[in-house]
Protein backbone atom coordinates (compact mmCIF):
# COMPACT_ATOMS: atom_id res chain seq x y z
CA MET A 1 -14.65 -15.09 -4.64
CA THR A 2 -13.38 -12.07 -6.26
CA HIS A 3 -10.19 -10.50 -4.65
CA VAL A 4 -9.74 -6.73 -4.48
CA ALA A 5 -6.61 -4.87 -5.59
CA GLU A 6 -5.83 -1.74 -3.61
CA ILE A 7 -3.45 0.24 -5.93
CA VAL A 8 -1.89 3.43 -4.44
CA THR A 9 0.54 5.46 -6.66
CA PHE A 10 2.55 8.49 -5.53
CA THR A 11 5.93 10.13 -5.43
CA LEU A 12 7.96 10.68 -2.37
CA ALA A 13 8.03 13.86 -0.34
CA ASN A 14 11.12 16.00 -0.88
CA GLY A 15 14.01 14.82 1.17
CA THR A 16 12.85 11.17 1.47
CA THR A 17 15.13 8.60 0.09
CA SER A 18 14.06 5.39 -1.56
CA GLU A 19 15.94 3.39 1.14
CA GLU A 20 14.20 5.34 3.89
CA PHE A 21 10.81 4.68 2.23
CA VAL A 22 11.31 1.02 1.90
CA LYS A 23 12.20 0.80 5.62
CA LEU A 24 9.03 2.85 6.50
CA SER A 25 7.06 0.47 4.36
CA GLN A 26 8.62 -2.61 5.88
CA SER A 27 7.48 -1.12 9.30
CA THR A 28 3.95 -1.88 8.29
CA GLU A 29 4.44 -5.52 7.60
CA ALA A 30 3.20 -6.89 10.93
CA PHE A 31 -0.12 -4.86 10.66
CA VAL A 32 -0.89 -5.73 7.16
CA ARG A 33 0.01 -9.41 7.60
CA ALA A 34 -2.28 -9.66 10.59
CA ALA A 35 -5.21 -7.78 8.93
CA PRO A 36 -7.93 -10.12 8.11
CA GLY A 37 -8.30 -10.63 4.50
CA PHE A 38 -4.74 -9.78 3.34
CA ALA A 39 -3.41 -11.95 0.59
CA HIS A 40 -0.44 -10.16 -1.14
CA ARG A 41 1.55 -7.05 -1.28
CA GLN A 42 4.33 -5.53 -3.47
CA LEU A 43 5.89 -2.08 -3.67
CA SER A 44 7.62 -0.87 -6.89
CA GLN A 45 9.18 2.22 -8.14
CA GLY A 46 9.12 3.16 -11.91
CA GLU A 47 11.83 4.87 -13.88
CA ASP A 48 9.85 8.14 -13.68
CA GLY A 49 10.18 8.08 -9.88
CA ARG A 50 6.45 7.22 -9.18
CA TRP A 51 5.87 4.38 -6.72
CA THR A 52 3.14 1.87 -6.57
CA ASP A 53 1.91 0.02 -3.49
CA TYR A 54 -0.09 -2.91 -4.64
CA VAL A 55 -2.09 -4.82 -2.06
CA ILE A 56 -4.38 -7.78 -2.68
CA TRP A 57 -7.39 -8.41 -0.26
CA THR A 58 -9.87 -11.15 -0.24
CA ASP A 59 -12.84 -8.66 -0.46
CA MET A 60 -13.77 -5.04 -0.27
CA LYS A 61 -14.76 -5.33 3.45
CA ALA A 62 -11.23 -6.45 4.33
CA THR A 63 -9.82 -3.59 2.32
CA LYS A 64 -12.03 -0.96 3.97
CA ASP A 65 -11.38 -2.37 7.49
CA ALA A 66 -7.69 -2.20 7.08
CA ALA A 67 -7.91 1.35 5.66
CA ALA A 68 -10.00 2.36 8.73
CA GLN A 69 -7.44 1.04 11.13
CA PHE A 70 -4.29 2.20 9.25
CA PRO A 71 -4.25 5.85 10.56
CA GLN A 72 -4.25 4.71 14.19
CA GLN A 73 -1.05 2.68 13.83
CA ASP A 74 2.19 4.03 15.15
CA PHE A 75 3.98 3.93 11.74
CA ALA A 76 1.24 5.87 9.94
CA PRO A 77 2.41 9.47 10.58
CA ALA A 78 5.99 8.89 9.37
CA LEU A 79 4.94 6.76 6.33
CA MET A 80 2.35 9.45 5.28
CA ALA A 81 4.91 12.24 5.76
CA ALA A 82 7.24 10.53 3.32
CA ILE A 83 4.64 10.75 0.53
CA ASP A 84 3.78 13.89 -1.43
CA PRO A 85 0.10 14.06 -0.80
CA GLU A 86 -0.45 16.03 -4.03
CA THR A 87 0.70 13.00 -6.08
CA MET A 88 -1.09 10.27 -4.26
CA GLN A 89 -3.90 8.33 -6.03
CA MET A 90 -5.81 5.24 -4.68
CA ARG A 91 -8.08 3.03 -6.51
CA HIS A 92 -9.64 -0.33 -5.92
CA GLU A 93 -10.20 -2.87 -8.67
CA ASN A 94 -11.67 -6.38 -8.82
CA VAL A 95 -8.95 -8.99 -9.65
CA LEU A 96 -10.33 -10.84 -12.58
CA TRP A 97 -7.46 -13.20 -13.41
CA ASN A 98 -4.25 -14.04 -11.58
CA MET A 99 -1.15 -15.96 -12.71
CA THR A 100 1.73 -16.97 -10.53
CA ALA A 101 5.02 -18.84 -11.29
């Protein structure tokens, strides 16, 4: 089975600190963990200030189902307000190889 990587890159909205955004992201944990097909997630920030939210799902259906339910969650408005919408890019890729420690 091929897993699907959901990769979202963005910068934060003016006035949002890194610490605030990490806390907002952590507020999504219960929803994401409970979503059928969730496998792995990590959040990173580059030296250029761009962020990457990297989520691995078991298949594209799981990815799309979670995306459809995401906007209805209580945390969604605050999380989305913390992101500069002009900078957000989302893509989905098939995971072809994986290596862990």
